[in-house]
Amino acid sequence: MQITDAAGKLEGVFTDGDLRRNLNEKGGDVLEMKIGELMCKTPRVVSPSMKAVEAMAAMEKPTPVTFMPVVEDGKLEGLITLHTLVSAGL
């Protein structure tokens, strides 16, 4: 499934956490559902102009996440992962 629309705007993300939460709430029926029905349609995002340390801090609150979409002017530019930041020495 596309994570962006035709204009490059982020439509949502789907993570293992989304799968776990949906399984807990809805049971095995989740396995027959489409990703678009299960994904987070309003994920937290970071800007490409943010410093790496700011992105890492944004990943920690309000609840920890291991990646965040990088969005500028509503368009998906990429993904930043906790692994990448840690590997870079933060």
C-alpha atoms as a PDB file:
ATOM      1  CA  MET A   1       0.000   0.000   0.000  1.00  0.00           C
ATOM      2  CA  GLN A   2       1.173   3.496  -0.725  1.00  0.00           C
ATOM      3  CA  ILE A   3       2.046   5.578   2.285  1.00  0.00           C
ATOM      4  CA  THR A   4       1.693   8.769   0.260  1.00  0.00           C
ATOM      5  CA  ASP A   5      -1.013  10.072  -2.017  1.00  0.00           C
ATOM      6  CA  ALA A   6      -0.394  11.097  -5.637  1.00  0.00           C
ATOM      7  CA  ALA A   7       0.939  14.485  -4.469  1.00  0.00           C
ATOM      8  CA  GLY A   8       3.463  12.889  -2.081  1.00  0.00           C
ATOM      9  CA  LYS A   9       1.482  13.753   1.067  1.00  0.00           C
ATOM     10  CA  LEU A  10       1.922  11.251   3.890  1.00  0.00           C
ATOM     11  CA  GLU A  11      -1.242   9.174   4.389  1.00  0.00           C
ATOM     12  CA  GLY A  12      -0.095   7.186   7.418  1.00  0.00           C
ATOM     13  CA  VAL A  13       2.277   4.583   8.818  1.00  0.00           C
ATOM     14  CA  PHE A  14       1.833   0.986   9.939  1.00  0.00           C
ATOM     15  CA  THR A  15       4.121  -0.497  12.579  1.00  0.00           C
ATOM     16  CA  ASP A  16       4.392  -3.651  14.618  1.00  0.00           C
ATOM     17  CA  GLY A  17       2.933  -1.608  17.488  1.00  0.00           C
ATOM     18  CA  ASP A  18      -0.153  -0.839  15.396  1.00  0.00           C
ATOM     19  CA  LEU A  19      -0.539  -4.543  14.687  1.00  0.00           C
ATOM     20  CA  ARG A  20      -0.184  -5.467  18.386  1.00  0.00           C
ATOM     21  CA  ARG A  21      -2.662  -2.806  19.522  1.00  0.00           C
ATOM     22  CA  ASN A  22      -5.210  -3.835  16.900  1.00  0.00           C
ATOM     23  CA  LEU A  23      -4.799  -7.523  17.722  1.00  0.00           C
ATOM     24  CA  ASN A  24      -5.381  -6.760  21.410  1.00  0.00           C
ATOM     25  CA  GLU A  25      -8.473  -4.662  20.649  1.00  0.00           C
ATOM     26  CA  LYS A  26     -10.048  -6.627  17.789  1.00  0.00           C
ATOM     27  CA  GLY A  27      -8.563 -10.099  17.961  1.00  0.00           C
ATOM     28  CA  GLY A  28      -7.690 -12.304  15.002  1.00  0.00           C
ATOM     29  CA  ASP A  29     -10.133 -10.529  12.673  1.00  0.00           C
ATOM     30  CA  VAL A  30      -7.371  -7.944  12.237  1.00  0.00           C
ATOM     31  CA  LEU A  31      -5.510 -10.394  10.026  1.00  0.00           C
ATOM     32  CA  GLU A  32      -8.244 -10.058   7.392  1.00  0.00           C
ATOM     33  CA  MET A  33      -8.298  -6.241   7.480  1.00  0.00           C
ATOM     34  CA  LYS A  34      -6.498  -3.897   5.097  1.00  0.00           C
ATOM     35  CA  ILE A  35      -3.452  -1.945   6.263  1.00  0.00           C
ATOM     36  CA  GLY A  36      -5.282   1.299   5.510  1.00  0.00           C
ATOM     37  CA  GLU A  37      -7.842   0.380   8.156  1.00  0.00           C
ATOM     38  CA  LEU A  38      -5.197  -0.353  10.788  1.00  0.00           C
ATOM     39  CA  MET A  39      -2.478   2.228  10.186  1.00  0.00           C
ATOM     40  CA  CYS A  40      -1.939   5.397  12.165  1.00  0.00           C
ATOM     41  CA  LYS A  41      -3.257   8.169   9.916  1.00  0.00           C
ATOM     42  CA  THR A  42      -1.779  10.973  12.023  1.00  0.00           C
ATOM     43  CA  PRO A  43       1.777   9.905  12.854  1.00  0.00           C
ATOM     44  CA  ARG A  44       4.260  12.161  14.589  1.00  0.00           C
ATOM     45  CA  VAL A  45       6.711  13.598  12.091  1.00  0.00           C
ATOM     46  CA  VAL A  46       9.972  15.525  12.033  1.00  0.00           C
ATOM     47  CA  SER A  47      11.203  18.217   9.694  1.00  0.00           C
ATOM     48  CA  PRO A  48      14.335  17.879   7.543  1.00  0.00           C
ATOM     49  CA  SER A  49      15.592  21.101   9.132  1.00  0.00           C
ATOM     50  CA  MET A  50      15.577  19.605  12.653  1.00  0.00           C
ATOM     51  CA  LYS A  51      18.858  18.709  14.281  1.00  0.00           C
ATOM     52  CA  ALA A  52      19.452  14.998  14.828  1.00  0.00           C
ATOM     53  CA  VAL A  53      19.352  15.442  18.610  1.00  0.00           C
ATOM     54  CA  GLU A  54      15.949  17.166  18.292  1.00  0.00           C
ATOM     55  CA  ALA A  55      14.629  14.275  16.193  1.00  0.00           C
ATOM     56  CA  MET A  56      15.854  11.814  18.810  1.00  0.00           C
ATOM     57  CA  ALA A  57      14.112  13.791  21.557  1.00  0.00           C
ATOM     58  CA  ALA A  58      10.908  13.842  19.478  1.00  0.00           C
ATOM     59  CA  MET A  59      11.061  10.047  19.267  1.00  0.00           C
ATOM     60  CA  GLU A  60      11.007   9.767  23.067  1.00  0.00           C
ATOM     61  CA  LYS A  61       7.817  11.682  23.921  1.00  0.00           C
ATOM     62  CA  PRO A  62       4.954  11.269  24.542  1.00  0.00           C
ATOM     63  CA  THR A  63       5.645   7.557  23.986  1.00  0.00           C
ATOM     64  CA  PRO A  64       8.835   6.116  22.497  1.00  0.00           C
ATOM     65  CA  VAL A  65       8.920   5.247  18.786  1.00  0.00           C
ATOM     66  CA  THR A  66      11.751   3.768  16.741  1.00  0.00           C
ATOM     67  CA  PHE A  67      11.214   5.750  13.547  1.00  0.00           C
ATOM     68  CA  MET A  68       9.528   8.919  12.339  1.00  0.00           C
ATOM     69  CA  PRO A  69       8.611  10.156   8.874  1.00  0.00           C
ATOM     70  CA  VAL A  70      10.509  13.226   7.697  1.00  0.00           C
ATOM     71  CA  VAL A  71       7.969  15.640   6.220  1.00  0.00           C
ATOM     72  CA  GLU A  72       8.356  19.054   4.619  1.00  0.00           C
ATOM     73  CA  ASP A  73       5.441  21.107   3.313  1.00  0.00           C
ATOM     74  CA  GLY A  74       3.198  18.105   3.894  1.00  0.00           C
ATOM     75  CA  LYS A  75       5.276  15.848   1.644  1.00  0.00           C
ATOM     76  CA  LEU A  76       7.157  12.760   2.739  1.00  0.00           C
ATOM     77  CA  GLU A  77      10.902  13.262   2.306  1.00  0.00           C
ATOM     78  CA  GLY A  78      12.124  10.116   4.078  1.00  0.00           C
ATOM     79  CA  LEU A  79      12.324   8.261   7.379  1.00  0.00           C
ATOM     80  CA  ILE A  80      14.641   8.689  10.333  1.00  0.00           C
ATOM     81  CA  THR A  81      15.215   5.725  12.604  1.00  0.00           C
ATOM     82  CA  LEU A  82      16.457   5.450  16.138  1.00  0.00           C
ATOM     83  CA  HIS A  83      19.019   2.916  14.909  1.00  0.00           C
ATOM     84  CA  THR A  84      20.422   5.456  12.434  1.00  0.00           C
ATOM     85  CA  LEU A  85      20.715   8.129  15.123  1.00  0.00           C
ATOM     86  CA  VAL A  86      22.379   5.777  17.596  1.00  0.00           C
ATOM     87  CA  SER A  87      24.746   4.507  14.899  1.00  0.00           C
ATOM     88  CA  ALA A  88      25.696   8.124  14.172  1.00  0.00           C
ATOM     89  CA  GLY A  89      26.832   8.495  17.784  1.00  0.00           C
ATOM     90  CA  LEU A  90      23.927  10.249  19.466  1.00  0.00           C
END
